[in-house]
Amino acid sequence: MSYDKNNIFAKILKGEANAEKVYENEHVLCFKDIFPKAKIHVLIIPKNQYSDIYEFSKNSSSKEKESIFSAFERLINIYKIEKSGCRIITNHGIDGRQEVPHLHFHLLAGQDIGRMTNN
């Protein structure tokens, strides 16, 4: 999947679309999903243009990678879900059902969100 500079997350980063920000650092923006799948549903995106986890893994700096994990930690603290837990997922490619060509992680929490797959 190639990067589309007009995807919704790129528009949010450019200030062309609104998002309810939860946390931000130098390399990462976190905001509430407008179609939540759980009581807590936050999207975590890098500020640079990475289409998916594979491209990010290959091309991002150590600081960018560290910033993603730092954001996960901050969100877990913000929502006080250290004990109850959460699911953090990302989709990659057609088989992974990635819909937006900008790397993003979903943090889902606040309730039992069920099994990972139907198998």
PDB file of N, CA and C in Angstrom:
ATOM      1  N   MET A   1       0.855  -1.172   0.000  1.00  0.00           N
ATOM      2  CA  MET A   1       0.000   0.000   0.000  1.00  0.00           C
ATOM      3  C   MET A   1       0.903   1.238   0.000  1.00  0.00           C
ATOM      4  N   SER A   2       0.724   2.074  -0.982  1.00  0.00           N
ATOM      5  CA  SER A   2       1.545   3.283  -1.027  1.00  0.00           C
ATOM      6  C   SER A   2       0.881   4.407  -0.225  1.00  0.00           C
ATOM      7  N   TYR A   3       1.704   5.327   0.213  1.00  0.00           N
ATOM      8  CA  TYR A   3       1.214   6.422   1.045  1.00  0.00           C
ATOM      9  C   TYR A   3       0.378   7.394   0.222  1.00  0.00           C
ATOM     10  N   ASP A   4      -0.763   7.785   0.754  1.00  0.00           N
ATOM     11  CA  ASP A   4      -1.650   8.758   0.135  1.00  0.00           C
ATOM     12  C   ASP A   4      -1.622  10.018   0.993  1.00  0.00           C
ATOM     13  N   LYS A   5      -1.057  11.095   0.464  1.00  0.00           N
ATOM     14  CA  LYS A   5      -0.905  12.337   1.234  1.00  0.00           C
ATOM     15  C   LYS A   5      -2.233  12.997   1.578  1.00  0.00           C
ATOM     16  N   ASN A   6      -3.332  12.494   1.036  1.00  0.00           N
ATOM     17  CA  ASN A   6      -4.650  13.048   1.315  1.00  0.00           C
ATOM     18  C   ASN A   6      -5.489  12.143   2.203  1.00  0.00           C
ATOM     19  N   ASN A   7      -4.869  11.141   2.834  1.00  0.00           N
ATOM     20  CA  ASN A   7      -5.644  10.268   3.717  1.00  0.00           C
ATOM     21  C   ASN A   7      -6.090  11.055   4.946  1.00  0.00           C
ATOM     22  N   ILE A   8      -7.092  10.547   5.656  1.00  0.00           N
ATOM     23  CA  ILE A   8      -7.685  11.277   6.772  1.00  0.00           C
ATOM     24  C   ILE A   8      -6.674  11.591   7.869  1.00  0.00           C
ATOM     25  N   PHE A   9      -5.740  10.692   8.138  1.00  0.00           N
ATOM     26  CA  PHE A   9      -4.762  10.944   9.195  1.00  0.00           C
ATOM     27  C   PHE A   9      -3.773  12.027   8.779  1.00  0.00           C
ATOM     28  N   ALA A  10      -3.405  12.057   7.504  1.00  0.00           N
ATOM     29  CA  ALA A  10      -2.549  13.131   6.993  1.00  0.00           C
ATOM     30  C   ALA A  10      -3.272  14.468   7.131  1.00  0.00           C
ATOM     31  N   LYS A  11      -4.569  14.479   6.856  1.00  0.00           N
ATOM     32  CA  LYS A  11      -5.358  15.709   6.990  1.00  0.00           C
ATOM     33  C   LYS A  11      -5.425  16.161   8.441  1.00  0.00           C
ATOM     34  N   ILE A  12      -5.563  15.233   9.355  1.00  0.00           N
ATOM     35  CA  ILE A  12      -5.569  15.574  10.786  1.00  0.00           C
ATOM     36  C   ILE A  12      -4.226  16.191  11.168  1.00  0.00           C
ATOM     37  N   LEU A  13      -3.141  15.566  10.726  1.00  0.00           N
ATOM     38  CA  LEU A  13      -1.811  16.082  11.051  1.00  0.00           C
ATOM     39  C   LEU A  13      -1.572  17.479  10.472  1.00  0.00           C
ATOM     40  N   LYS A  14      -2.157  17.761   9.307  1.00  0.00           N
ATOM     41  CA  LYS A  14      -2.001  19.072   8.672  1.00  0.00           C
ATOM     42  C   LYS A  14      -2.997  20.104   9.206  1.00  0.00           C
ATOM     43  N   GLY A  15      -3.902  19.676  10.107  1.00  0.00           N
ATOM     44  CA  GLY A  15      -4.902  20.586  10.644  1.00  0.00           C
ATOM     45  C   GLY A  15      -6.081  20.810   9.720  1.00  0.00           C
ATOM     46  N   GLU A  16      -6.218  19.964   8.699  1.00  0.00           N
ATOM     47  CA  GLU A  16      -7.313  20.084   7.736  1.00  0.00           C
ATOM     48  C   GLU A  16      -8.550  19.298   8.159  1.00  0.00           C
ATOM     49  N   ALA A  17      -8.413  18.475   9.181  1.00  0.00           N
ATOM     50  CA  ALA A  17      -9.535  17.709   9.731  1.00  0.00           C
ATOM     51  C   ALA A  17      -9.384  17.709  11.255  1.00  0.00           C
ATOM     52  N   ASN A  18     -10.497  17.663  11.934  1.00  0.00           N
ATOM     53  CA  ASN A  18     -10.487  17.720  13.394  1.00  0.00           C
ATOM     54  C   ASN A  18     -10.311  16.344  14.012  1.00  0.00           C
ATOM     55  N   ALA A  19      -9.722  16.346  15.195  1.00  0.00           N
ATOM     56  CA  ALA A  19      -9.582  15.128  15.988  1.00  0.00           C
ATOM     57  C   ALA A  19      -9.537  15.544  17.452  1.00  0.00           C
ATOM     58  N   GLU A  20     -10.091  14.705  18.302  1.00  0.00           N
ATOM     59  CA  GLU A  20     -10.046  14.960  19.747  1.00  0.00           C
ATOM     60  C   GLU A  20      -8.752  14.374  20.290  1.00  0.00           C
ATOM     61  N   LYS A  21      -7.740  15.215  20.424  1.00  0.00           N
ATOM     62  CA  LYS A  21      -6.417  14.777  20.855  1.00  0.00           C
ATOM     63  C   LYS A  21      -6.455  14.307  22.311  1.00  0.00           C
ATOM     64  N   VAL A  22      -5.721  13.236  22.553  1.00  0.00           N
ATOM     65  CA  VAL A  22      -5.583  12.684  23.900  1.00  0.00           C
ATOM     66  C   VAL A  22      -4.159  12.882  24.405  1.00  0.00           C
ATOM     67  N   TYR A  23      -3.195  12.704  23.499  1.00  0.00           N
ATOM     68  CA  TYR A  23      -1.782  12.819  23.863  1.00  0.00           C
ATOM     69  C   TYR A  23      -0.998  13.092  22.587  1.00  0.00           C
ATOM     70  N   GLU A  24       0.122  13.790  22.759  1.00  0.00           N
ATOM     71  CA  GLU A  24       0.989  14.086  21.627  1.00  0.00           C
ATOM     72  C   GLU A  24       2.411  14.220  22.127  1.00  0.00           C
ATOM     73  N   ASN A  25       3.352  13.727  21.343  1.00  0.00           N
ATOM     74  CA  ASN A  25       4.753  13.989  21.610  1.00  0.00           C
ATOM     75  C   ASN A  25       5.402  14.415  20.295  1.00  0.00           C
ATOM     76  N   GLU A  26       6.698  14.519  20.266  1.00  0.00           N
ATOM     77  CA  GLU A  26       7.392  15.038  19.088  1.00  0.00           C
ATOM     78  C   GLU A  26       7.103  14.250  17.808  1.00  0.00           C
ATOM     79  N   HIS A  27       6.919  12.937  17.939  1.00  0.00           N
ATOM     80  CA  HIS A  27       6.790  12.075  16.761  1.00  0.00           C
ATOM     81  C   HIS A  27       5.438  11.396  16.615  1.00  0.00           C
ATOM     82  N   VAL A  28       4.545  11.554  17.596  1.00  0.00           N
ATOM     83  CA  VAL A  28       3.308  10.769  17.639  1.00  0.00           C
ATOM     84  C   VAL A  28       2.120  11.645  18.018  1.00  0.00           C
ATOM     85  N   LEU A  29       0.973  11.351  17.408  1.00  0.00           N
ATOM     86  CA  LEU A  29      -0.278  11.986  17.779  1.00  0.00           C
ATOM     87  C   LEU A  29      -1.280  10.894  18.148  1.00  0.00           C
ATOM     88  N   CYS A  30      -1.990  11.088  19.255  1.00  0.00           N
ATOM     89  CA  CYS A  30      -2.995  10.132  19.726  1.00  0.00           C
ATOM     90  C   CYS A  30      -4.325  10.866  19.858  1.00  0.00           C
ATOM     91  N   PHE A  31      -5.384  10.270  19.338  1.00  0.00           N
ATOM     92  CA  PHE A  31      -6.695  10.913  19.372  1.00  0.00           C
ATOM     93  C   PHE A  31      -7.791   9.858  19.414  1.00  0.00           C
ATOM     94  N   LYS A  32      -8.976  10.285  19.860  1.00  0.00           N
ATOM     95  CA  LYS A  32     -10.107   9.362  19.979  1.00  0.00           C
ATOM     96  C   LYS A  32     -10.627   8.987  18.602  1.00  0.00           C
ATOM     97  N   ASP A  33     -10.978   7.711  18.448  1.00  0.00           N
ATOM     98  CA  ASP A  33     -11.588   7.222  17.214  1.00  0.00           C
ATOM     99  C   ASP A  33     -13.011   7.755  17.133  1.00  0.00           C
ATOM    100  N   ILE A  34     -13.416   8.241  15.963  1.00  0.00           N
ATOM    101  CA  ILE A  34     -14.775   8.785  15.842  1.00  0.00           C
ATOM    102  C   ILE A  34     -15.840   7.699  15.727  1.00  0.00           C
ATOM    103  N   PHE A  35     -15.418   6.468  15.471  1.00  0.00           N
ATOM    104  CA  PHE A  35     -16.326   5.326  15.449  1.00  0.00           C
ATOM    105  C   PHE A  35     -15.804   4.271  16.424  1.00  0.00           C
ATOM    106  N   PRO A  36     -15.875   4.555  17.729  1.00  0.00           N
ATOM    107  CA  PRO A  36     -15.251   3.662  18.715  1.00  0.00           C
ATOM    108  C   PRO A  36     -15.835   2.259  18.721  1.00  0.00           C
ATOM    109  N   LYS A  37     -14.939   1.284  18.887  1.00  0.00           N
ATOM    110  CA  LYS A  37     -15.309  -0.129  18.971  1.00  0.00           C
ATOM    111  C   LYS A  37     -15.236  -0.638  20.407  1.00  0.00           C
ATOM    112  N   ALA A  38     -14.907   0.257  21.342  1.00  0.00           N
ATOM    113  CA  ALA A  38     -14.839  -0.075  22.768  1.00  0.00           C
ATOM    114  C   ALA A  38     -15.049   1.229  23.536  1.00  0.00           C
ATOM    115  N   LYS A  39     -15.239   1.124  24.845  1.00  0.00           N
ATOM    116  CA  LYS A  39     -15.439   2.321  25.674  1.00  0.00           C
ATOM    117  C   LYS A  39     -14.272   3.283  25.520  1.00  0.00           C
ATOM    118  N   ILE A  40     -13.077   2.736  25.432  1.00  0.00           N
ATOM    119  CA  ILE A  40     -11.878   3.530  25.154  1.00  0.00           C
ATOM    120  C   ILE A  40     -11.340   3.045  23.808  1.00  0.00           C
ATOM    121  N   HIS A  41     -11.253   3.955  22.861  1.00  0.00           N
ATOM    122  CA  HIS A  41     -10.715   3.615  21.536  1.00  0.00           C
ATOM    123  C   HIS A  41      -9.908   4.806  21.046  1.00  0.00           C
ATOM    124  N   VAL A  42      -8.597   4.659  21.100  1.00  0.00           N
ATOM    125  CA  VAL A  42      -7.676   5.734  20.730  1.00  0.00           C
ATOM    126  C   VAL A  42      -6.834   5.278  19.551  1.00  0.00           C
ATOM    127  N   LEU A  43      -6.607   6.183  18.615  1.00  0.00           N
ATOM    128  CA  LEU A  43      -5.716   5.932  17.490  1.00  0.00           C
ATOM    129  C   LEU A  43      -4.375   6.581  17.773  1.00  0.00           C
ATOM    130  N   ILE A  44      -3.316   5.859  17.483  1.00  0.00           N
ATOM    131  CA  ILE A  44      -1.952   6.314  17.698  1.00  0.00           C
ATOM    132  C   ILE A  44      -1.280   6.330  16.334  1.00  0.00           C
ATOM    133  N   ILE A  45      -0.815   7.508  15.899  1.00  0.00           N
ATOM    134  CA  ILE A  45      -0.205   7.602  14.569  1.00  0.00           C
ATOM    135  C   ILE A  45       1.142   8.318  14.641  1.00  0.00           C
ATOM    136  N   PRO A  46       2.088   7.884  13.813  1.00  0.00           N
ATOM    137  CA  PRO A  46       3.332   8.648  13.710  1.00  0.00           C
ATOM    138  C   PRO A  46       3.056   9.929  12.928  1.00  0.00           C
ATOM    139  N   LYS A  47       3.801  10.966  13.220  1.00  0.00           N
ATOM    140  CA  LYS A  47       3.624  12.236  12.509  1.00  0.00           C
ATOM    141  C   LYS A  47       4.248  12.219  11.120  1.00  0.00           C
ATOM    142  N   ASN A  48       5.222  11.363  10.897  1.00  0.00           N
ATOM    143  CA  ASN A  48       5.823  11.238   9.573  1.00  0.00           C
ATOM    144  C   ASN A  48       4.999  10.293   8.706  1.00  0.00           C
ATOM    145  N   GLN A  49       5.271  10.337   7.423  1.00  0.00           N
ATOM    146  CA  GLN A  49       4.489   9.589   6.443  1.00  0.00           C
ATOM    147  C   GLN A  49       4.987   8.152   6.293  1.00  0.00           C
ATOM    148  N   TYR A  50       4.346   7.259   7.018  1.00  0.00           N
ATOM    149  CA  TYR A  50       4.608   5.824   6.892  1.00  0.00           C
ATOM    150  C   TYR A  50       3.291   5.161   6.554  1.00  0.00           C
ATOM    151  N   SER A  51       3.266   4.402   5.471  1.00  0.00           N
ATOM    152  CA  SER A  51       2.013   3.797   5.042  1.00  0.00           C
ATOM    153  C   SER A  51       1.572   2.649   5.941  1.00  0.00           C
ATOM    154  N   ASP A  52       2.535   1.921   6.534  1.00  0.00           N
ATOM    155  CA  ASP A  52       2.163   0.748   7.328  1.00  0.00           C
ATOM    156  C   ASP A  52       3.300   0.351   8.267  1.00  0.00           C
ATOM    157  N   ILE A  53       3.067  -0.669   9.058  1.00  0.00           N
ATOM    158  CA  ILE A  53       4.032  -1.116  10.065  1.00  0.00           C
ATOM    159  C   ILE A  53       5.329  -1.613   9.422  1.00  0.00           C
ATOM    160  N   TYR A  54       5.220  -2.207   8.246  1.00  0.00           N
ATOM    161  CA  TYR A  54       6.418  -2.716   7.579  1.00  0.00           C
ATOM    162  C   TYR A  54       7.322  -1.555   7.156  1.00  0.00           C
ATOM    163  N   GLU A  55       6.741  -0.553   6.524  1.00  0.00           N
ATOM    164  CA  GLU A  55       7.538   0.610   6.115  1.00  0.00           C
ATOM    165  C   GLU A  55       8.125   1.320   7.336  1.00  0.00           C
ATOM    166  N   PHE A  56       7.332   1.463   8.397  1.00  0.00           N
ATOM    167  CA  PHE A  56       7.807   2.087   9.630  1.00  0.00           C
ATOM    168  C   PHE A  56       8.960   1.282  10.221  1.00  0.00           C
ATOM    169  N   SER A  57       8.832  -0.020  10.249  1.00  0.00           N
ATOM    170  CA  SER A  57       9.879  -0.890  10.807  1.00  0.00           C
ATOM    171  C   SER A  57      11.193  -0.727  10.058  1.00  0.00           C
ATOM    172  N   LYS A  58      11.108  -0.581   8.738  1.00  0.00           N
ATOM    173  CA  LYS A  58      12.302  -0.456   7.914  1.00  0.00           C
ATOM    174  C   LYS A  58      12.915   0.939   7.926  1.00  0.00           C
ATOM    175  N   ASN A  59      12.076   1.978   7.952  1.00  0.00           N
ATOM    176  CA  ASN A  59      12.553   3.320   7.640  1.00  0.00           C
ATOM    177  C   ASN A  59      12.506   4.347   8.766  1.00  0.00           C
ATOM    178  N   SER A  60      11.859   4.047   9.871  1.00  0.00           N
ATOM    179  CA  SER A  60      11.757   5.046  10.942  1.00  0.00           C
ATOM    180  C   SER A  60      13.033   5.060  11.787  1.00  0.00           C
ATOM    181  N   SER A  61      13.216   6.174  12.461  1.00  0.00           N
ATOM    182  CA  SER A  61      14.375   6.318  13.343  1.00  0.00           C
ATOM    183  C   SER A  61      14.117   5.621  14.679  1.00  0.00           C
ATOM    184  N   SER A  62      15.166   5.390  15.406  1.00  0.00           N
ATOM    185  CA  SER A  62      15.030   4.806  16.749  1.00  0.00           C
ATOM    186  C   SER A  62      14.162   5.694  17.631  1.00  0.00           C
ATOM    187  N   LYS A  63      14.312   6.993  17.486  1.00  0.00           N
ATOM    188  CA  LYS A  63      13.521   7.941  18.284  1.00  0.00           C
ATOM    189  C   LYS A  63      12.029   7.821  17.955  1.00  0.00           C
ATOM    190  N   GLU A  64      11.702   7.655  16.689  1.00  0.00           N
ATOM    191  CA  GLU A  64      10.290   7.487  16.304  1.00  0.00           C
ATOM    192  C   GLU A  64       9.716   6.191  16.890  1.00  0.00           C
ATOM    193  N   LYS A  65      10.485   5.122  16.826  1.00  0.00           N
ATOM    194  CA  LYS A  65      10.024   3.847  17.394  1.00  0.00           C
ATOM    195  C   LYS A  65       9.830   3.979  18.893  1.00  0.00           C
ATOM    196  N   GLU A  66      10.785   4.597  19.556  1.00  0.00           N
ATOM    197  CA  GLU A  66      10.686   4.802  20.999  1.00  0.00           C
ATOM    198  C   GLU A  66       9.470   5.667  21.345  1.00  0.00           C
ATOM    199  N   SER A  67       9.187   6.661  20.532  1.00  0.00           N
ATOM    200  CA  SER A  67       8.061   7.559  20.775  1.00  0.00           C
ATOM    201  C   SER A  67       6.718   6.845  20.698  1.00  0.00           C
ATOM    202  N   ILE A  68       6.606   5.883  19.803  1.00  0.00           N
ATOM    203  CA  ILE A  68       5.363   5.094  19.711  1.00  0.00           C
ATOM    204  C   ILE A  68       5.139   4.345  21.019  1.00  0.00           C
ATOM    205  N   PHE A  69       6.174   3.664  21.497  1.00  0.00           N
ATOM    206  CA  PHE A  69       6.029   2.896  22.732  1.00  0.00           C
ATOM    207  C   PHE A  69       5.826   3.802  23.944  1.00  0.00           C
ATOM    208  N   SER A  70       6.431   4.967  23.929  1.00  0.00           N
ATOM    209  CA  SER A  70       6.213   5.941  24.984  1.00  0.00           C
ATOM    210  C   SER A  70       4.752   6.396  24.993  1.00  0.00           C
ATOM    211  N   ALA A  71       4.185   6.568  23.813  1.00  0.00           N
ATOM    212  CA  ALA A  71       2.774   6.952  23.711  1.00  0.00           C
ATOM    213  C   ALA A  71       1.866   5.854  24.259  1.00  0.00           C
ATOM    214  N   PHE A  72       2.193   4.592  23.967  1.00  0.00           N
ATOM    215  CA  PHE A  72       1.399   3.490  24.531  1.00  0.00           C
ATOM    216  C   PHE A  72       1.400   3.576  26.055  1.00  0.00           C
ATOM    217  N   GLU A  73       2.578   3.759  26.619  1.00  0.00           N
ATOM    218  CA  GLU A  73       2.708   3.857  28.079  1.00  0.00           C
ATOM    219  C   GLU A  73       1.884   5.018  28.622  1.00  0.00           C
ATOM    220  N   ARG A  74       1.991   6.184  27.989  1.00  0.00           N
ATOM    221  CA  ARG A  74       1.240   7.356  28.457  1.00  0.00           C
ATOM    222  C   ARG A  74      -0.263   7.121  28.400  1.00  0.00           C
ATOM    223  N   LEU A  75      -0.745   6.526  27.322  1.00  0.00           N
ATOM    224  CA  LEU A  75      -2.182   6.273  27.198  1.00  0.00           C
ATOM    225  C   LEU A  75      -2.669   5.299  28.267  1.00  0.00           C
ATOM    226  N   ILE A  76      -1.894   4.275  28.521  1.00  0.00           N
ATOM    227  CA  ILE A  76      -2.254   3.319  29.576  1.00  0.00           C
ATOM    228  C   ILE A  76      -2.342   4.031  30.913  1.00  0.00           C
ATOM    229  N   ASN A  77      -1.442   4.954  31.166  1.00  0.00           N
ATOM    230  CA  ASN A  77      -1.491   5.741  32.405  1.00  0.00           C
ATOM    231  C   ASN A  77      -2.654   6.724  32.416  1.00  0.00           C
ATOM    232  N   ILE A  78      -2.865   7.417  31.308  1.00  0.00           N
ATOM    233  CA  ILE A  78      -3.956   8.400  31.212  1.00  0.00           C
ATOM    234  C   ILE A  78      -5.301   7.743  31.518  1.00  0.00           C
ATOM    235  N   TYR A  79      -5.526   6.565  30.942  1.00  0.00           N
ATOM    236  CA  TYR A  79      -6.808   5.883  31.112  1.00  0.00           C
ATOM    237  C   TYR A  79      -6.840   4.941  32.321  1.00  0.00           C
ATOM    238  N   LYS A  80      -5.721   4.883  33.055  1.00  0.00           N
ATOM    239  CA  LYS A  80      -5.631   4.058  34.265  1.00  0.00           C
ATOM    240  C   LYS A  80      -6.053   2.602  33.999  1.00  0.00           C
ATOM    241  N   ILE A  81      -5.446   2.036  32.952  1.00  0.00           N
ATOM    242  CA  ILE A  81      -5.774   0.661  32.568  1.00  0.00           C
ATOM    243  C   ILE A  81      -4.578  -0.273  32.744  1.00  0.00           C
ATOM    244  N   GLU A  82      -3.679   0.116  33.665  1.00  0.00           N
ATOM    245  CA  GLU A  82      -2.492  -0.705  33.919  1.00  0.00           C
ATOM    246  C   GLU A  82      -2.891  -2.123  34.334  1.00  0.00           C
ATOM    247  N   LYS A  83      -3.940  -2.250  35.128  1.00  0.00           N
ATOM    248  CA  LYS A  83      -4.342  -3.567  35.635  1.00  0.00           C
ATOM    249  C   LYS A  83      -5.401  -4.227  34.767  1.00  0.00           C
ATOM    250  N   SER A  84      -6.375  -3.453  34.294  1.00  0.00           N
ATOM    251  CA  SER A  84      -7.470  -4.051  33.510  1.00  0.00           C
ATOM    252  C   SER A  84      -7.026  -4.419  32.102  1.00  0.00           C
ATOM    253  N   GLY A  85      -6.056  -3.690  31.558  1.00  0.00           N
ATOM    254  CA  GLY A  85      -5.478  -4.049  30.276  1.00  0.00           C
ATOM    255  C   GLY A  85      -6.133  -3.412  29.066  1.00  0.00           C
ATOM    256  N   CYS A  86      -5.576  -3.727  27.925  1.00  0.00           N
ATOM    257  CA  CYS A  86      -6.050  -3.182  26.657  1.00  0.00           C
ATOM    258  C   CYS A  86      -5.561  -4.078  25.526  1.00  0.00           C
ATOM    259  N   ARG A  87      -6.024  -3.771  24.350  1.00  0.00           N
ATOM    260  CA  ARG A  87      -5.506  -4.411  23.139  1.00  0.00           C
ATOM    261  C   ARG A  87      -4.970  -3.295  22.260  1.00  0.00           C
ATOM    262  N   ILE A  88      -3.758  -3.478  21.743  1.00  0.00           N
ATOM    263  CA  ILE A  88      -3.166  -2.532  20.814  1.00  0.00           C
ATOM    264  C   ILE A  88      -2.897  -3.298  19.528  1.00  0.00           C
ATOM    265  N   ILE A  89      -3.537  -2.848  18.447  1.00  0.00           N
ATOM    266  CA  ILE A  89      -3.409  -3.574  17.180  1.00  0.00           C
ATOM    267  C   ILE A  89      -3.108  -2.613  16.040  1.00  0.00           C
ATOM    268  N   THR A  90      -2.516  -3.156  15.003  1.00  0.00           N
ATOM    269  CA  THR A  90      -2.377  -2.432  13.747  1.00  0.00           C
ATOM    270  C   THR A  90      -2.652  -3.422  12.626  1.00  0.00           C
ATOM    271  N   ASN A  91      -3.178  -2.900  11.541  1.00  0.00           N
ATOM    272  CA  ASN A  91      -3.473  -3.728  10.380  1.00  0.00           C
ATOM    273  C   ASN A  91      -2.454  -3.404   9.296  1.00  0.00           C
ATOM    274  N   HIS A  92      -2.130  -4.417   8.490  1.00  0.00           N
ATOM    275  CA  HIS A  92      -1.130  -4.220   7.436  1.00  0.00           C
ATOM    276  C   HIS A  92      -1.590  -4.914   6.170  1.00  0.00           C
ATOM    277  N   GLY A  93      -1.738  -4.161   5.117  1.00  0.00           N
ATOM    278  CA  GLY A  93      -2.039  -4.713   3.807  1.00  0.00           C
ATOM    279  C   GLY A  93      -3.458  -5.228   3.632  1.00  0.00           C
ATOM    280  N   ILE A  94      -3.678  -5.839   2.494  1.00  0.00           N
ATOM    281  CA  ILE A  94      -5.000  -6.323   2.115  1.00  0.00           C
ATOM    282  C   ILE A  94      -5.493  -7.407   3.064  1.00  0.00           C
ATOM    283  N   ASP A  95      -4.670  -8.417   3.305  1.00  0.00           N
ATOM    284  CA  ASP A  95      -5.092  -9.506   4.189  1.00  0.00           C
ATOM    285  C   ASP A  95      -5.288  -9.045   5.624  1.00  0.00           C
ATOM    286  N   GLY A  96      -4.553  -8.013   6.027  1.00  0.00           N
ATOM    287  CA  GLY A  96      -4.701  -7.467   7.372  1.00  0.00           C
ATOM    288  C   GLY A  96      -5.819  -6.444   7.473  1.00  0.00           C
ATOM    289  N   ARG A  97      -6.462  -6.166   6.343  1.00  0.00           N
ATOM    290  CA  ARG A  97      -7.598  -5.243   6.278  1.00  0.00           C
ATOM    291  C   ARG A  97      -7.248  -3.804   6.649  1.00  0.00           C
ATOM    292  N   GLN A  98      -6.067  -3.363   6.260  1.00  0.00           N
ATOM    293  CA  GLN A  98      -5.701  -1.964   6.496  1.00  0.00           C
ATOM    294  C   GLN A  98      -6.534  -1.094   5.566  1.00  0.00           C
ATOM    295  N   GLU A  99      -7.228  -0.117   6.151  1.00  0.00           N
ATOM    296  CA  GLU A  99      -8.114   0.736   5.361  1.00  0.00           C
ATOM    297  C   GLU A  99      -7.515   2.105   5.061  1.00  0.00           C
ATOM    298  N   VAL A 100      -6.751   2.664   5.985  1.00  0.00           N
ATOM    299  CA  VAL A 100      -6.155   3.991   5.787  1.00  0.00           C
ATOM    300  C   VAL A 100      -4.651   3.806   5.566  1.00  0.00           C
ATOM    301  N   PRO A 101      -4.109   4.345   4.465  1.00  0.00           N
ATOM    302  CA  PRO A 101      -2.696   4.141   4.160  1.00  0.00           C
ATOM    303  C   PRO A 101      -1.759   5.069   4.944  1.00  0.00           C
ATOM    304  N   HIS A 102      -1.941   5.085   6.246  1.00  0.00           N
ATOM    305  CA  HIS A 102      -1.037   5.781   7.167  1.00  0.00           C
ATOM    306  C   HIS A 102      -0.960   4.870   8.392  1.00  0.00           C
ATOM    307  N   LEU A 103       0.245   4.500   8.789  1.00  0.00           N
ATOM    308  CA  LEU A 103       0.389   3.613   9.942  1.00  0.00           C
ATOM    309  C   LEU A 103      -0.421   4.146  11.113  1.00  0.00           C
ATOM    310  N   HIS A 104      -1.214   3.272  11.700  1.00  0.00           N
ATOM    311  CA  HIS A 104      -1.975   3.639  12.891  1.00  0.00           C
ATOM    312  C   HIS A 104      -2.198   2.412  13.751  1.00  0.00           C
ATOM    313  N   PHE A 105      -2.211   2.664  15.036  1.00  0.00           N
ATOM    314  CA  PHE A 105      -2.486   1.637  16.016  1.00  0.00           C
ATOM    315  C   PHE A 105      -3.810   1.970  16.681  1.00  0.00           C
ATOM    316  N   HIS A 106      -4.568   0.940  17.019  1.00  0.00           N
ATOM    317  CA  HIS A 106      -5.803   1.105  17.781  1.00  0.00           C
ATOM    318  C   HIS A 106      -5.530   0.627  19.201  1.00  0.00           C
ATOM    319  N   LEU A 107      -5.821   1.467  20.182  1.00  0.00           N
ATOM    320  CA  LEU A 107      -5.797   1.043  21.580  1.00  0.00           C
ATOM    321  C   LEU A 107      -7.253   0.912  21.992  1.00  0.00           C
ATOM    322  N   LEU A 108      -7.654  -0.316  22.348  1.00  0.00           N
ATOM    323  CA  LEU A 108      -9.024  -0.620  22.752  1.00  0.00           C
ATOM    324  C   LEU A 108      -9.018  -1.072  24.197  1.00  0.00           C
ATOM    325  N   ALA A 109      -9.912  -0.485  25.003  1.00  0.00           N
ATOM    326  CA  ALA A 109      -9.923  -0.818  26.427  1.00  0.00           C
ATOM    327  C   ALA A 109     -11.248  -0.377  27.053  1.00  0.00           C
ATOM    328  N   GLY A 110     -11.334  -0.567  28.368  1.00  0.00           N
ATOM    329  CA  GLY A 110     -12.502  -0.125  29.119  1.00  0.00           C
ATOM    330  C   GLY A 110     -13.589  -1.167  29.219  1.00  0.00           C
ATOM    331  N   GLN A 111     -13.385  -2.317  28.595  1.00  0.00           N
ATOM    332  CA  GLN A 111     -14.345  -3.403  28.621  1.00  0.00           C
ATOM    333  C   GLN A 111     -13.670  -4.646  28.050  1.00  0.00           C
ATOM    334  N   ASP A 112     -14.296  -5.795  28.220  1.00  0.00           N
ATOM    335  CA  ASP A 112     -13.804  -7.011  27.575  1.00  0.00           C
ATOM    336  C   ASP A 112     -14.125  -6.886  26.099  1.00  0.00           C
ATOM    337  N   ILE A 113     -13.117  -6.837  25.266  1.00  0.00           N
ATOM    338  CA  ILE A 113     -13.355  -6.644  23.852  1.00  0.00           C
ATOM    339  C   ILE A 113     -13.411  -7.941  23.052  1.00  0.00           C
ATOM    340  N   GLY A 114     -13.445  -9.056  23.757  1.00  0.00           N
ATOM    341  CA  GLY A 114     -13.647 -10.330  23.080  1.00  0.00           C
ATOM    342  C   GLY A 114     -12.377 -10.955  22.540  1.00  0.00           C
ATOM    343  N   ARG A 115     -12.573 -12.093  21.934  1.00  0.00           N
ATOM    344  CA  ARG A 115     -11.463 -12.841  21.357  1.00  0.00           C
ATOM    345  C   ARG A 115     -10.873 -12.101  20.173  1.00  0.00           C
ATOM    346  N   MET A 116      -9.633 -12.385  19.895  1.00  0.00           N
ATOM    347  CA  MET A 116      -8.943 -11.724  18.792  1.00  0.00           C
ATOM    348  C   MET A 116      -9.499 -12.151  17.429  1.00  0.00           C
ATOM    349  N   THR A 117      -9.780 -13.436  17.266  1.00  0.00           N
ATOM    350  CA  THR A 117     -10.331 -13.937  15.996  1.00  0.00           C
ATOM    351  C   THR A 117     -11.507 -14.852  16.295  1.00  0.00           C
ATOM    352  N   ASN A 118     -12.185 -15.237  15.257  1.00  0.00           N
ATOM    353  CA  ASN A 118     -13.355 -16.114  15.392  1.00  0.00           C
ATOM    354  C   ASN A 118     -12.982 -17.588  15.412  1.00  0.00           C
ATOM    355  N   ASN A 119     -11.720 -17.917  15.266  1.00  0.00           N
ATOM    356  CA  ASN A 119     -11.286 -19.325  15.208  1.00  0.00           C
ATOM    357  C   ASN A 119     -11.414 -19.995  16.538  1.00  0.00           C
TER     358      ASN A 119
END
